[in-house]
Each structure stands twice: as structure tokens, then as C-alpha cells.
Amino acid sequence: MPPQDRVDRLIPNRRKASHLDAWRAYVKSRPVFVGVGNPEKGDDGVGPAFIMRLQRRAPGRWRTVNAGVAPENCTGTIARLNPTSLILVDAADFGGRAGQVRVMPVSDTIGPGGLSSHALSISLLAQYLRWRCGEIPILLLGIQPATRWRGVGLSPLVSRTVDRLVDELERGSHA
């Protein structure tokens, strides 16, 4: 079954469901979470911040990889986890409110209008991981950044979003 069909099965009526409903449905598959971004550039560091908070608050419960600014260097680590699905967490400029979440198949980020700030490298990463790990579903959990200024941490709105997502995983509302 092609990976997109698996995503659609994991997220029934995904066009009608809220993005957080899609998130809740997808985490039931026990994905590997991969954080992407630069922690030295404000909200661009949301992926690594999510991974660090998840590891700190629920150690050992979730399979995680902090890929930082070079996710291509983590493909071996990801493949060794033998994932059945992946969620890539990254800043995504989709024109929403700061801290707003969008969950989408990585294929939706390719080409004109792509949402990830790393759209080309994210799509290439997904293609390579599908080659290396099998035709697995891969989602992007994109969080709208407020700022990407060098030398500042996460904005308060984005930081609260990360906490809310980690709280939801910790509570087990996905089960």
C-alpha cells in the first residue's frame, strides 16, 4: 500500500478533521518523532525543543531523534529504530497565527506553496527514509513560527504550543 494511503487510513476524513485530531489519530501508530530546526534561530528551533521536552517529561516512552539542522546526518539512527511511521516536527510558515499547528503528509510540503522552512531537505529526507525504511507514512507536524531571529529562544506562543503537545502525549489522550 502506498504511504499516502496509509496516512489517509490513519487519519480518516483528514480534510474535515482538525489538525490536532489528525495528530491524535496518527500518534496511535507509535511513530518515531524527529525534531528538525536550528535552536539558535528563535522558533526555527521548535523541532529540537519538542524532542528535548518530550524526552525530559516522558523519558523512554517515545522513540525520538533530535536531528537539529542536519537531519540527513541522522538517517542511520532513524533507520535503526525500524520505524513503522514518522512524525517530523519543524517550524512551518503557512501564514497562520504564531504557535498554530498544522499536521500534513510530507508530500503536501513539496513544490510551490510548501510549508516547511526546510521544504526541499524535508522532502528529500522523507524520500530517502522511505527508501531506507520501507514505504512508511511520514507526517510533518508544522508549527507556525513567530520569529526566526538569531540568538533568541522560542517565543512564548510557540513554547506554549510545544508544552501543550507534550502534555497531550504525556496524558495519553492519544490512546
Protein backbone atom coordinates (compact mmCIF):
# COMPACT_ATOMS: atom_id res chain seq x y z
CA MET A 1 0.00 0.00 0.00
CA PRO A 2 1.49 3.40 -0.94
CA PRO A 3 2.49 5.57 2.06
CA GLN A 4 -0.17 8.20 1.28
CA ASP A 5 -2.90 5.57 1.51
CA ARG A 6 -1.56 4.58 4.92
CA VAL A 7 -1.64 8.21 6.05
CA ASP A 8 -5.21 8.56 4.83
CA ARG A 9 -6.17 5.38 6.71
CA LEU A 10 -4.51 6.64 9.89
CA ILE A 11 -6.26 10.00 9.52
CA PRO A 12 -9.80 9.28 8.35
CA ASN A 13 -11.51 12.29 6.78
CA ARG A 14 -8.29 14.28 7.25
CA ARG A 15 -9.62 17.15 5.14
CA LYS A 16 -12.50 17.57 7.59
CA ALA A 17 -10.62 16.78 10.79
CA SER A 18 -8.83 19.47 12.74
CA HIS A 19 -5.07 19.35 12.62
CA LEU A 20 -4.93 18.26 16.25
CA ASP A 21 -7.44 15.48 15.51
CA ALA A 22 -5.04 14.29 12.82
CA TRP A 23 -2.19 14.44 15.35
CA ARG A 24 -4.18 12.38 17.86
CA ALA A 25 -5.05 9.74 15.26
CA TYR A 26 -1.52 9.44 13.99
CA VAL A 27 0.27 9.06 17.32
CA LYS A 28 -1.67 5.84 17.90
CA SER A 29 0.73 4.25 15.42
CA ARG A 30 3.62 4.82 17.89
CA PRO A 31 5.72 6.85 15.44
CA VAL A 32 9.32 7.92 15.73
CA PHE A 33 9.39 11.69 16.37
CA VAL A 34 12.17 13.59 14.58
CA GLY A 35 12.86 17.20 15.61
CA VAL A 36 14.26 19.44 12.87
CA GLY A 37 15.48 23.02 13.15
CA ASN A 38 18.03 25.47 14.48
CA PRO A 39 17.68 26.25 18.22
CA GLU A 40 19.86 29.34 17.72
CA LYS A 41 17.28 30.96 15.42
CA GLY A 42 14.22 31.56 17.57
CA ASP A 43 11.19 29.48 16.68
CA ASP A 44 13.11 27.62 13.97
CA GLY A 45 14.31 25.51 16.92
CA VAL A 46 10.81 24.22 17.69
CA GLY A 47 11.58 20.68 16.49
CA PRO A 48 14.59 20.14 18.78
CA ALA A 49 12.73 21.88 21.65
CA PHE A 50 9.79 19.48 21.23
CA ILE A 51 12.12 16.45 21.30
CA MET A 52 14.01 17.68 24.37
CA ARG A 53 10.81 18.38 26.32
CA LEU A 54 9.30 15.05 25.32
CA GLN A 55 12.46 13.20 26.41
CA ARG A 56 12.60 15.10 29.70
CA ARG A 57 8.94 14.69 30.64
CA ALA A 58 8.30 11.18 29.32
CA PRO A 59 11.72 9.51 29.25
CA GLY A 60 11.77 6.25 27.34
CA ARG A 61 8.08 6.36 26.45
CA TRP A 62 8.51 7.66 22.90
CA ARG A 63 11.14 6.97 20.24
CA THR A 64 12.75 10.29 19.38
CA VAL A 65 15.59 11.72 17.31
CA ASN A 66 16.85 15.28 17.70
CA ALA A 67 18.04 15.92 14.13
CA GLY A 68 18.71 19.65 14.56
CA VAL A 69 19.91 21.48 11.47
CA ALA A 70 21.25 18.37 9.71
CA PRO A 71 18.53 15.70 9.62
CA GLU A 72 20.39 13.97 6.80
CA ASN A 73 23.09 13.07 9.35
CA CYS A 74 20.52 11.20 11.47
CA THR A 75 19.12 8.85 8.83
CA GLY A 76 21.11 5.87 10.15
CA THR A 77 19.84 6.47 13.68
CA ILE A 78 16.27 6.77 12.41
CA ALA A 79 16.57 3.60 10.29
CA ARG A 80 17.98 1.60 13.24
CA LEU A 81 14.79 2.43 15.18
CA ASN A 82 12.93 0.45 12.49
CA PRO A 83 10.03 2.93 12.33
CA THR A 84 6.59 2.00 11.05
CA SER A 85 5.80 5.71 10.78
CA LEU A 86 7.50 9.08 11.37
CA ILE A 87 6.42 12.49 12.57
CA LEU A 88 8.84 15.26 11.61
CA VAL A 89 8.45 18.28 13.91
CA ASP A 90 9.55 21.58 12.40
CA ALA A 91 8.76 25.26 12.06
CA ALA A 92 6.41 25.77 9.11
CA ASP A 93 5.37 29.12 7.72
CA PHE A 94 1.83 28.53 6.46
CA GLY A 95 0.56 32.04 7.21
CA GLY A 96 -1.16 31.05 10.45
CA ARG A 97 -1.04 32.56 13.93
CA ALA A 98 2.20 32.11 15.86
CA GLY A 99 2.07 28.75 17.62
CA GLN A 100 -0.67 27.37 15.37
CA VAL A 101 -0.22 23.70 14.37
CA ARG A 102 -0.66 22.01 11.01
CA VAL A 103 -0.32 18.26 10.55
CA MET A 104 0.12 17.05 6.98
CA PRO A 105 1.78 14.37 4.89
CA VAL A 106 5.28 15.45 3.90
CA SER A 107 4.15 15.22 0.27
CA ASP A 108 1.95 18.30 0.91
CA THR A 109 5.08 20.37 1.63
CA ILE A 110 6.73 19.76 -1.74
CA GLY A 111 6.77 22.34 -4.52
CA PRO A 112 5.29 25.83 -4.69
CA GLY A 113 3.49 26.76 -1.52
CA GLY A 114 5.41 24.21 0.53
CA LEU A 115 5.02 24.94 4.22
CA SER A 116 8.19 23.78 5.93
CA SER A 117 11.04 26.25 6.15
CA HIS A 118 13.19 23.29 5.06
CA ALA A 119 10.77 22.08 2.36
CA LEU A 120 13.39 20.74 -0.04
CA SER A 121 15.51 18.99 2.58
CA ILE A 122 12.42 17.63 4.37
CA SER A 123 11.04 16.13 1.16
CA LEU A 124 14.41 14.65 0.22
CA LEU A 125 14.82 13.31 3.75
CA ALA A 126 11.39 11.65 3.52
CA GLN A 127 12.21 10.10 0.14
CA TYR A 128 15.48 8.72 1.44
CA LEU A 129 13.91 7.38 4.65
CA ARG A 130 11.19 5.64 2.65
CA TRP A 131 13.91 4.02 0.55
CA ARG A 132 15.89 3.04 3.65
CA CYS A 133 13.00 2.08 5.98
CA GLY A 134 10.32 0.94 3.55
CA GLU A 135 7.25 2.74 2.31
CA ILE A 136 6.28 4.16 5.70
CA PRO A 137 3.89 7.06 6.27
CA ILE A 138 5.66 10.29 7.19
CA LEU A 139 3.90 13.37 8.53
CA LEU A 140 5.10 16.89 9.14
CA LEU A 141 3.88 18.46 12.36
CA GLY A 142 4.43 22.09 11.42
CA ILE A 143 4.27 24.87 13.99
CA GLN A 144 3.86 28.45 12.79
CA PRO A 145 6.87 30.47 13.99
CA ALA A 146 6.63 33.97 15.42
CA THR A 147 10.30 34.77 14.88
CA ARG A 148 13.47 33.29 13.46
CA TRP A 149 15.89 35.85 14.82
CA ARG A 150 19.34 34.58 15.62
CA GLY A 151 20.24 34.50 19.29
CA VAL A 152 16.75 34.28 20.79
CA GLY A 153 14.92 31.25 22.14
CA LEU A 154 11.42 30.09 21.40
CA SER A 155 8.72 32.75 21.50
CA PRO A 156 6.19 32.39 24.35
CA LEU A 157 3.39 31.36 21.96
CA VAL A 158 5.44 28.63 20.28
CA SER A 159 6.79 27.44 23.63
CA ARG A 160 3.22 27.06 24.95
CA THR A 161 2.29 25.07 21.84
CA VAL A 162 5.19 22.68 22.44
CA ASP A 163 4.11 22.26 26.07
CA ARG A 164 0.51 21.61 25.01
CA LEU A 165 1.56 18.92 22.51
CA VAL A 166 3.88 17.22 25.00
CA ASP A 167 1.16 17.42 27.69
CA GLU A 168 -1.22 15.66 25.34
CA LEU A 169 1.24 12.85 24.69
CA GLU A 170 2.08 12.58 28.40
CA ARG A 171 -1.60 12.37 29.39
CA GLY A 172 -2.11 9.57 26.93
CA SER A 173 -5.10 11.22 25.29
CA HIS A 174 -3.93 9.57 22.08
CA ALA A 175 -4.59 6.06 23.35
